[in-house]
Amino acid sequence: SRPAYTYVRLTADRSLPLTVQDHMIRTADALTPHHP
């Protein structure tokens, strides 16, 4: 419903490691592949 979503990955994040951030992005993108 929104024109664009942006995710900012933080490479030194120890609370949400990159693998977790990437998983969240992939999960959301899989939910709406037409709107990554």
ModelCIF file with pLDDT and N, C-alpha, C, O atoms, coordinates in Angstrom:
data_MODEL
#
_entry.id   MODEL 
#
_entity.id                         1 
_entity.type                       polymer 
_entity.pdbx_number_of_molecules   1 
#
_entity_poly.entity_id                      1 
_entity_poly.type                           'polypeptide(L)' 
_entity_poly.nstd_linkage                   no 
_entity_poly.nstd_monomer                   no 
_entity_poly.pdbx_seq_one_letter_code       SRPAYTYVRLTADRSLPLTVQDHMIRTADALTPHHP 
_entity_poly.pdbx_seq_one_letter_code_can   SRPAYTYVRLTADRSLPLTVQDHMIRTADALTPHHP 
_entity_poly.pdbx_strand_id                 A 
#
loop_
_entity_poly_seq.entity_id 
_entity_poly_seq.num 
_entity_poly_seq.mon_id 
_entity_poly_seq.hetero 
1 1  SER n 
1 2  ARG n 
1 3  PRO n 
1 4  ALA n 
1 5  TYR n 
1 6  THR n 
1 7  TYR n 
1 8  VAL n 
1 9  ARG n 
1 10 LEU n 
1 11 THR n 
1 12 ALA n 
1 13 ASP n 
1 14 ARG n 
1 15 SER n 
1 16 LEU n 
1 17 PRO n 
1 18 LEU n 
1 19 THR n 
1 20 VAL n 
1 21 GLN n 
1 22 ASP n 
1 23 HIS n 
1 24 MET n 
1 25 ILE n 
1 26 ARG n 
1 27 THR n 
1 28 ALA n 
1 29 ASP n 
1 30 ALA n 
1 31 LEU n 
1 32 THR n 
1 33 PRO n 
1 34 HIS n 
1 35 HIS n 
1 36 PRO n 
#
_struct_asym.id          A 
_struct_asym.entity_id   1 
#
loop_
_ma_qa_metric.id 
_ma_qa_metric.mode 
_ma_qa_metric.name 
_ma_qa_metric.software_group_id 
_ma_qa_metric.type 
1 global pLDDT . pLDDT 
2 local  pLDDT . pLDDT 
#
_ma_qa_metric_global.metric_id      1 
_ma_qa_metric_global.metric_value   90.47 
_ma_qa_metric_global.model_id       1 
_ma_qa_metric_global.ordinal_id     1 
#
loop_
_ma_qa_metric_local.label_asym_id 
_ma_qa_metric_local.label_comp_id 
_ma_qa_metric_local.label_seq_id 
_ma_qa_metric_local.metric_id 
_ma_qa_metric_local.metric_value 
_ma_qa_metric_local.model_id 
_ma_qa_metric_local.ordinal_id 
A SER 1  2 60.00 1 1  
A ARG 2  2 61.00 1 2  
A PRO 3  2 63.00 1 3  
A ALA 4  2 74.00 1 4  
A TYR 5  2 88.00 1 5  
A THR 6  2 92.00 1 6  
A TYR 7  2 94.00 1 7  
A VAL 8  2 94.00 1 8  
A ARG 9  2 95.00 1 9  
A LEU 10 2 95.00 1 10 
A THR 11 2 94.00 1 11 
A ALA 12 2 94.00 1 12 
A ASP 13 2 94.00 1 13 
A ARG 14 2 93.00 1 14 
A SER 15 2 94.00 1 15 
A LEU 16 2 95.00 1 16 
A PRO 17 2 96.00 1 17 
A LEU 18 2 96.00 1 18 
A THR 19 2 97.00 1 19 
A VAL 20 2 97.00 1 20 
A GLN 21 2 97.00 1 21 
A ASP 22 2 98.00 1 22 
A HIS 23 2 98.00 1 23 
A MET 24 2 96.00 1 24 
A ILE 25 2 96.00 1 25 
A ARG 26 2 97.00 1 26 
A THR 27 2 95.00 1 27 
A ALA 28 2 91.00 1 28 
A ASP 29 2 93.00 1 29 
A ALA 30 2 95.00 1 30 
A LEU 31 2 91.00 1 31 
A THR 32 2 86.00 1 32 
A PRO 33 2 89.00 1 33 
A HIS 34 2 89.00 1 34 
A HIS 35 2 88.00 1 35 
A PRO 36 2 92.00 1 36 
#
loop_
_atom_site.group_PDB 
_atom_site.id 
_atom_site.type_symbol 
_atom_site.label_atom_id 
_atom_site.label_alt_id 
_atom_site.label_comp_id 
_atom_site.label_asym_id 
_atom_site.label_entity_id 
_atom_site.label_seq_id 
_atom_site.pdbx_PDB_ins_code 
_atom_site.Cartn_x 
_atom_site.Cartn_y 
_atom_site.Cartn_z 
_atom_site.occupancy 
_atom_site.B_iso_or_equiv 
_atom_site.pdbx_formal_charge 
_atom_site.auth_seq_id 
_atom_site.auth_comp_id 
_atom_site.auth_asym_id 
_atom_site.auth_atom_id 
_atom_site.pdbx_PDB_model_num 
ATOM 1   N N  . SER A 1 1  ? 0.800  -1.225  0.000  1.00 60.00 ? 1  SER A N  1 
ATOM 2   C CA . SER A 1 1  ? 0.000  0.000   0.000  1.00 60.00 ? 1  SER A CA 1 
ATOM 3   C C  . SER A 1 1  ? 0.832  1.274   0.000  1.00 60.00 ? 1  SER A C  1 
ATOM 4   O O  . SER A 1 1  ? 0.291  2.369   -0.156 1.00 60.00 ? 1  SER A O  1 
ATOM 5   N N  . ARG A 1 2  ? 2.134  1.140   0.172  1.00 61.00 ? 2  ARG A N  1 
ATOM 6   C CA . ARG A 1 2  ? 3.007  2.320   0.183  1.00 61.00 ? 2  ARG A CA 1 
ATOM 7   C C  . ARG A 1 2  ? 3.901  2.285   -1.041 1.00 61.00 ? 2  ARG A C  1 
ATOM 8   O O  . ARG A 1 2  ? 4.189  1.210   -1.567 1.00 61.00 ? 2  ARG A O  1 
ATOM 9   N N  . PRO A 1 3  ? 4.348  3.455   -1.507 1.00 63.00 ? 3  PRO A N  1 
ATOM 10  C CA . PRO A 1 3  ? 5.143  3.487   -2.744 1.00 63.00 ? 3  PRO A CA 1 
ATOM 11  C C  . PRO A 1 3  ? 6.470  2.750   -2.656 1.00 63.00 ? 3  PRO A C  1 
ATOM 12  O O  . PRO A 1 3  ? 6.898  2.149   -3.641 1.00 63.00 ? 3  PRO A O  1 
ATOM 13  N N  . ALA A 1 4  ? 7.128  2.778   -1.512 1.00 74.00 ? 4  ALA A N  1 
ATOM 14  C CA . ALA A 1 4  ? 8.420  2.098   -1.396 1.00 74.00 ? 4  ALA A CA 1 
ATOM 15  C C  . ALA A 1 4  ? 8.753  1.880   0.073  1.00 74.00 ? 4  ALA A C  1 
ATOM 16  O O  . ALA A 1 4  ? 8.393  2.677   0.939  1.00 74.00 ? 4  ALA A O  1 
ATOM 17  N N  . TYR A 1 5  ? 9.444  0.788   0.325  1.00 88.00 ? 5  TYR A N  1 
ATOM 18  C CA . TYR A 1 5  ? 9.979  0.511   1.643  1.00 88.00 ? 5  TYR A CA 1 
ATOM 19  C C  . TYR A 1 5  ? 11.488 0.415   1.513  1.00 88.00 ? 5  TYR A C  1 
ATOM 20  O O  . TYR A 1 5  ? 12.005 -0.177  0.565  1.00 88.00 ? 5  TYR A O  1 
ATOM 21  N N  . THR A 1 6  ? 12.175 0.990   2.453  1.00 92.00 ? 6  THR A N  1 
ATOM 22  C CA . THR A 1 6  ? 13.632 0.935   2.465  1.00 92.00 ? 6  THR A CA 1 
ATOM 23  C C  . THR A 1 6  ? 14.075 0.246   3.744  1.00 92.00 ? 6  THR A C  1 
ATOM 24  O O  . THR A 1 6  ? 13.570 0.530   4.830  1.00 92.00 ? 6  THR A O  1 
ATOM 25  N N  . TYR A 1 7  ? 15.026 -0.662  3.597  1.00 94.00 ? 7  TYR A N  1 
ATOM 26  C CA . TYR A 1 7  ? 15.625 -1.307  4.762  1.00 94.00 ? 7  TYR A CA 1 
ATOM 27  C C  . TYR A 1 7  ? 17.092 -0.904  4.784  1.00 94.00 ? 7  TYR A C  1 
ATOM 28  O O  . TYR A 1 7  ? 17.794 -1.033  3.781  1.00 94.00 ? 7  TYR A O  1 
ATOM 29  N N  . VAL A 1 8  ? 17.545 -0.423  5.918  1.00 94.00 ? 8  VAL A N  1 
ATOM 30  C CA . VAL A 1 8  ? 18.942 -0.037  6.079  1.00 94.00 ? 8  VAL A CA 1 
ATOM 31  C C  . VAL A 1 8  ? 19.624 -1.118  6.910  1.00 94.00 ? 8  VAL A C  1 
ATOM 32  O O  . VAL A 1 8  ? 19.369 -1.254  8.107  1.00 94.00 ? 8  VAL A O  1 
ATOM 33  N N  . ARG A 1 9  ? 20.489 -1.880  6.259  1.00 95.00 ? 9  ARG A N  1 
ATOM 34  C CA . ARG A 1 9  ? 21.273 -2.917  6.937  1.00 95.00 ? 9  ARG A CA 1 
ATOM 35  C C  . ARG A 1 9  ? 22.416 -2.225  7.677  1.00 95.00 ? 9  ARG A C  1 
ATOM 36  O O  . ARG A 1 9  ? 23.037 -1.305  7.145  1.00 95.00 ? 9  ARG A O  1 
ATOM 37  N N  . LEU A 1 10 ? 22.689 -2.664  8.889  1.00 95.00 ? 10 LEU A N  1 
ATOM 38  C CA . LEU A 1 10 ? 23.766 -2.085  9.691  1.00 95.00 ? 10 LEU A CA 1 
ATOM 39  C C  . LEU A 1 10 ? 24.818 -3.170  9.919  1.00 95.00 ? 10 LEU A C  1 
ATOM 40  O O  . LEU A 1 10 ? 24.574 -4.138  10.640 1.00 95.00 ? 10 LEU A O  1 
ATOM 41  N N  . THR A 1 11 ? 25.977 -3.007  9.308  1.00 94.00 ? 11 THR A N  1 
ATOM 42  C CA . THR A 1 11 ? 26.981 -4.070  9.272  1.00 94.00 ? 11 THR A CA 1 
ATOM 43  C C  . THR A 1 11 ? 27.603 -4.396  10.627 1.00 94.00 ? 11 THR A C  1 
ATOM 44  O O  . THR A 1 11 ? 28.074 -5.515  10.828 1.00 94.00 ? 11 THR A O  1 
ATOM 45  N N  . ALA A 1 12 ? 27.615 -3.461  11.546 1.00 94.00 ? 12 ALA A N  1 
ATOM 46  C CA . ALA A 1 12 ? 28.229 -3.704  12.857 1.00 94.00 ? 12 ALA A CA 1 
ATOM 47  C C  . ALA A 1 12 ? 27.185 -3.919  13.958 1.00 94.00 ? 12 ALA A C  1 
ATOM 48  O O  . ALA A 1 12 ? 27.496 -3.826  15.145 1.00 94.00 ? 12 ALA A O  1 
ATOM 49  N N  . ASP A 1 13 ? 25.964 -4.203  13.556 1.00 94.00 ? 13 ASP A N  1 
ATOM 50  C CA . ASP A 1 13 ? 24.881 -4.402  14.514 1.00 94.00 ? 13 ASP A CA 1 
ATOM 51  C C  . ASP A 1 13 ? 25.057 -5.751  15.205 1.00 94.00 ? 13 ASP A C  1 
ATOM 52  O O  . ASP A 1 13 ? 25.011 -6.794  14.553 1.00 94.00 ? 13 ASP A O  1 
ATOM 53  N N  . ARG A 1 14 ? 25.259 -5.736  16.520 1.00 93.00 ? 14 ARG A N  1 
ATOM 54  C CA . ARG A 1 14 ? 25.407 -6.981  17.262 1.00 93.00 ? 14 ARG A CA 1 
ATOM 55  C C  . ARG A 1 14 ? 24.089 -7.415  17.881 1.00 93.00 ? 14 ARG A C  1 
ATOM 56  O O  . ARG A 1 14 ? 23.977 -8.542  18.363 1.00 93.00 ? 14 ARG A O  1 
ATOM 57  N N  . SER A 1 15 ? 23.086 -6.540  17.876 1.00 94.00 ? 15 SER A N  1 
ATOM 58  C CA . SER A 1 15 ? 21.754 -6.914  18.358 1.00 94.00 ? 15 SER A CA 1 
ATOM 59  C C  . SER A 1 15 ? 20.996 -7.685  17.286 1.00 94.00 ? 15 SER A C  1 
ATOM 60  O O  . SER A 1 15 ? 20.311 -8.666  17.577 1.00 94.00 ? 15 SER A O  1 
ATOM 61  N N  . LEU A 1 16 ? 21.128 -7.228  16.041 1.00 95.00 ? 16 LEU A N  1 
ATOM 62  C CA . LEU A 1 16 ? 20.522 -7.902  14.893 1.00 95.00 ? 16 LEU A CA 1 
ATOM 63  C C  . LEU A 1 16 ? 21.628 -8.146  13.872 1.00 95.00 ? 16 LEU A C  1 
ATOM 64  O O  . LEU A 1 16 ? 21.869 -7.301  13.009 1.00 95.00 ? 16 LEU A O  1 
ATOM 65  N N  . PRO A 1 17 ? 22.301 -9.286  13.958 1.00 96.00 ? 17 PRO A N  1 
ATOM 66  C CA . PRO A 1 17 ? 23.388 -9.574  13.021 1.00 96.00 ? 17 PRO A CA 1 
ATOM 67  C C  . PRO A 1 17 ? 22.885 -9.550  11.572 1.00 96.00 ? 17 PRO A C  1 
ATOM 68  O O  . PRO A 1 17 ? 21.690 -9.689  11.312 1.00 96.00 ? 17 PRO A O  1 
ATOM 69  N N  . LEU A 1 18 ? 23.814 -9.372  10.650 1.00 96.00 ? 18 LEU A N  1 
ATOM 70  C CA . LEU A 1 18 ? 23.443 -9.290  9.230  1.00 96.00 ? 18 LEU A CA 1 
ATOM 71  C C  . LEU A 1 18 ? 22.628 -10.494 8.780  1.00 96.00 ? 18 LEU A C  1 
ATOM 72  O O  . LEU A 1 18 ? 21.716 -10.347 7.966  1.00 96.00 ? 18 LEU A O  1 
ATOM 73  N N  . THR A 1 19 ? 22.934 -11.673 9.289  1.00 97.00 ? 19 THR A N  1 
ATOM 74  C CA . THR A 1 19 ? 22.167 -12.849 8.878  1.00 97.00 ? 19 THR A CA 1 
ATOM 75  C C  . THR A 1 19 ? 20.695 -12.712 9.277  1.00 97.00 ? 19 THR A C  1 
ATOM 76  O O  . THR A 1 19 ? 19.808 -13.140 8.538  1.00 97.00 ? 19 THR A O  1 
ATOM 77  N N  . VAL A 1 20 ? 20.441 -12.123 10.428 1.00 97.00 ? 20 VAL A N  1 
ATOM 78  C CA . VAL A 1 20 ? 19.065 -11.909 10.883 1.00 97.00 ? 20 VAL A CA 1 
ATOM 79  C C  . VAL A 1 20 ? 18.414 -10.811 10.044 1.00 97.00 ? 20 VAL A C  1 
ATOM 80  O O  . VAL A 1 20 ? 17.269 -10.952 9.613  1.00 97.00 ? 20 VAL A O  1 
ATOM 81  N N  . GLN A 1 21 ? 19.139 -9.724  9.813  1.00 97.00 ? 21 GLN A N  1 
ATOM 82  C CA . GLN A 1 21 ? 18.599 -8.648  8.984  1.00 97.00 ? 21 GLN A CA 1 
ATOM 83  C C  . GLN A 1 21 ? 18.249 -9.160  7.591  1.00 97.00 ? 21 GLN A C  1 
ATOM 84  O O  . GLN A 1 21 ? 17.182 -8.852  7.060  1.00 97.00 ? 21 GLN A O  1 
ATOM 85  N N  . ASP A 1 22 ? 19.147 -9.939  7.005  1.00 98.00 ? 22 ASP A N  1 
ATOM 86  C CA . ASP A 1 22 ? 18.909 -10.478 5.664  1.00 98.00 ? 22 ASP A CA 1 
ATOM 87  C C  . ASP A 1 22 ? 17.726 -11.436 5.652  1.00 98.00 ? 22 ASP A C  1 
ATOM 88  O O  . ASP A 1 22 ? 16.960 -11.472 4.689  1.00 98.00 ? 22 ASP A O  1 
ATOM 89  N N  . HIS A 1 23 ? 17.577 -12.211 6.718  1.00 98.00 ? 23 HIS A N  1 
ATOM 90  C CA . HIS A 1 23 ? 16.423 -13.103 6.822  1.00 98.00 ? 23 HIS A CA 1 
ATOM 91  C C  . HIS A 1 23 ? 15.123 -12.296 6.864  1.00 98.00 ? 23 HIS A C  1 
ATOM 92  O O  . HIS A 1 23 ? 14.151 -12.654 6.199  1.00 98.00 ? 23 HIS A O  1 
ATOM 93  N N  . MET A 1 24 ? 15.101 -11.217 7.639  1.00 96.00 ? 24 MET A N  1 
ATOM 94  C CA . MET A 1 24 ? 13.906 -10.374 7.724  1.00 96.00 ? 24 MET A CA 1 
ATOM 95  C C  . MET A 1 24 ? 13.568 -9.784  6.355  1.00 96.00 ? 24 MET A C  1 
ATOM 96  O O  . MET A 1 24 ? 12.400 -9.736  5.969  1.00 96.00 ? 24 MET A O  1 
ATOM 97  N N  . ILE A 1 25 ? 14.571 -9.344  5.635  1.00 96.00 ? 25 ILE A N  1 
ATOM 98  C CA . ILE A 1 25 ? 14.351 -8.772  4.298  1.00 96.00 ? 25 ILE A CA 1 
ATOM 99  C C  . ILE A 1 25 ? 13.794 -9.846  3.364  1.00 96.00 ? 25 ILE A C  1 
ATOM 100 O O  . ILE A 1 25 ? 12.804 -9.616  2.670  1.00 96.00 ? 25 ILE A O  1 
ATOM 101 N N  . ARG A 1 26 ? 14.434 -11.023 3.348  1.00 97.00 ? 26 ARG A N  1 
ATOM 102 C CA . ARG A 1 26 ? 13.975 -12.112 2.469  1.00 97.00 ? 26 ARG A CA 1 
ATOM 103 C C  . ARG A 1 26 ? 12.543 -12.529 2.797  1.00 97.00 ? 26 ARG A C  1 
ATOM 104 O O  . ARG A 1 26 ? 11.741 -12.777 1.896  1.00 97.00 ? 26 ARG A O  1 
ATOM 105 N N  . THR A 1 27 ? 12.228 -12.605 4.083  1.00 95.00 ? 27 THR A N  1 
ATOM 106 C CA . THR A 1 27 ? 10.889 -13.003 4.505  1.00 95.00 ? 27 THR A CA 1 
ATOM 107 C C  . THR A 1 27 ? 9.849  -11.998 4.025  1.00 95.00 ? 27 THR A C  1 
ATOM 108 O O  . THR A 1 27 ? 8.806  -12.382 3.496  1.00 95.00 ? 27 THR A O  1 
ATOM 109 N N  . ALA A 1 28 ? 10.129 -10.733 4.207  1.00 91.00 ? 28 ALA A N  1 
ATOM 110 C CA . ALA A 1 28 ? 9.194  -9.703  3.759  1.00 91.00 ? 28 ALA A CA 1 
ATOM 111 C C  . ALA A 1 28 ? 9.082  -9.681  2.239  1.00 91.00 ? 28 ALA A C  1 
ATOM 112 O O  . ALA A 1 28 ? 7.985  -9.542  1.697  1.00 91.00 ? 28 ALA A O  1 
ATOM 113 N N  . ASP A 1 29 ? 10.207 -9.818  1.555  1.00 93.00 ? 29 ASP A N  1 
ATOM 114 C CA . ASP A 1 29 ? 10.182 -9.823  0.087  1.00 93.00 ? 29 ASP A CA 1 
ATOM 115 C C  . ASP A 1 29 ? 9.436  -11.039 -0.453 1.00 93.00 ? 29 ASP A C  1 
ATOM 116 O O  . ASP A 1 29 ? 8.768  -10.942 -1.482 1.00 93.00 ? 29 ASP A O  1 
ATOM 117 N N  . ALA A 1 30 ? 9.539  -12.177 0.222  1.00 95.00 ? 30 ALA A N  1 
ATOM 118 C CA . ALA A 1 30 ? 8.818  -13.377 -0.213 1.00 95.00 ? 30 ALA A CA 1 
ATOM 119 C C  . ALA A 1 30 ? 7.308  -13.198 -0.041 1.00 95.00 ? 30 ALA A C  1 
ATOM 120 O O  . ALA A 1 30 ? 6.517  -13.754 -0.803 1.00 95.00 ? 30 ALA A O  1 
ATOM 121 N N  . LEU A 1 31 ? 6.925  -12.421 0.959  1.00 91.00 ? 31 LEU A N  1 
ATOM 122 C CA . LEU A 1 31 ? 5.514  -12.153 1.211  1.00 91.00 ? 31 LEU A CA 1 
ATOM 123 C C  . LEU A 1 31 ? 4.905  -11.319 0.084  1.00 91.00 ? 31 LEU A C  1 
ATOM 124 O O  . LEU A 1 31 ? 3.755  -11.525 -0.304 1.00 91.00 ? 31 LEU A O  1 
ATOM 125 N N  . THR A 1 32 ? 5.687  -10.379 -0.431 1.00 86.00 ? 32 THR A N  1 
ATOM 126 C CA . THR A 1 32 ? 5.209  -9.506  -1.507 1.00 86.00 ? 32 THR A CA 1 
ATOM 127 C C  . THR A 1 32 ? 6.316  -9.358  -2.558 1.00 86.00 ? 32 THR A C  1 
ATOM 128 O O  . THR A 1 32 ? 6.971  -8.318  -2.625 1.00 86.00 ? 32 THR A O  1 
ATOM 129 N N  . PRO A 1 33 ? 6.525  -10.388 -3.372 1.00 89.00 ? 33 PRO A N  1 
ATOM 130 C CA . PRO A 1 33 ? 7.613  -10.342 -4.350 1.00 89.00 ? 33 PRO A CA 1 
ATOM 131 C C  . PRO A 1 33 ? 7.462  -9.228  -5.387 1.00 89.00 ? 33 PRO A C  1 
ATOM 132 O O  . PRO A 1 33 ? 8.439  -8.837  -6.025 1.00 89.00 ? 33 PRO A O  1 
ATOM 133 N N  . HIS A 1 34 ? 6.272  -8.731  -5.553 1.00 89.00 ? 34 HIS A N  1 
ATOM 134 C CA . HIS A 1 34 ? 6.034  -7.637  -6.493 1.00 89.00 ? 34 HIS A CA 1 
ATOM 135 C C  . HIS A 1 34 ? 6.422  -6.273  -5.915 1.00 89.00 ? 34 HIS A C  1 
ATOM 136 O O  . HIS A 1 34 ? 6.392  -5.260  -6.613 1.00 89.00 ? 34 HIS A O  1 
ATOM 137 N N  . HIS A 1 35 ? 6.782  -6.266  -4.640 1.00 88.00 ? 35 HIS A N  1 
ATOM 138 C CA . HIS A 1 35 ? 7.075  -4.999  -3.955 1.00 88.00 ? 35 HIS A CA 1 
ATOM 139 C C  . HIS A 1 35 ? 8.243  -5.197  -2.978 1.00 88.00 ? 35 HIS A C  1 
ATOM 140 O O  . HIS A 1 35 ? 8.059  -5.063  -1.768 1.00 88.00 ? 35 HIS A O  1 
ATOM 141 N N  . PRO A 1 36 ? 9.436  -5.511  -3.485 1.00 92.00 ? 36 PRO A N  1 
ATOM 142 C CA . PRO A 1 36 ? 10.567 -5.796  -2.585 1.00 92.00 ? 36 PRO A CA 1 
ATOM 143 C C  . PRO A 1 36 ? 11.117 -4.533  -1.916 1.00 92.00 ? 36 PRO A C  1 
ATOM 144 O O  . PRO A 1 36 ? 12.066 -4.611  -1.135 1.00 92.00 ? 36 PRO A O  1 
#
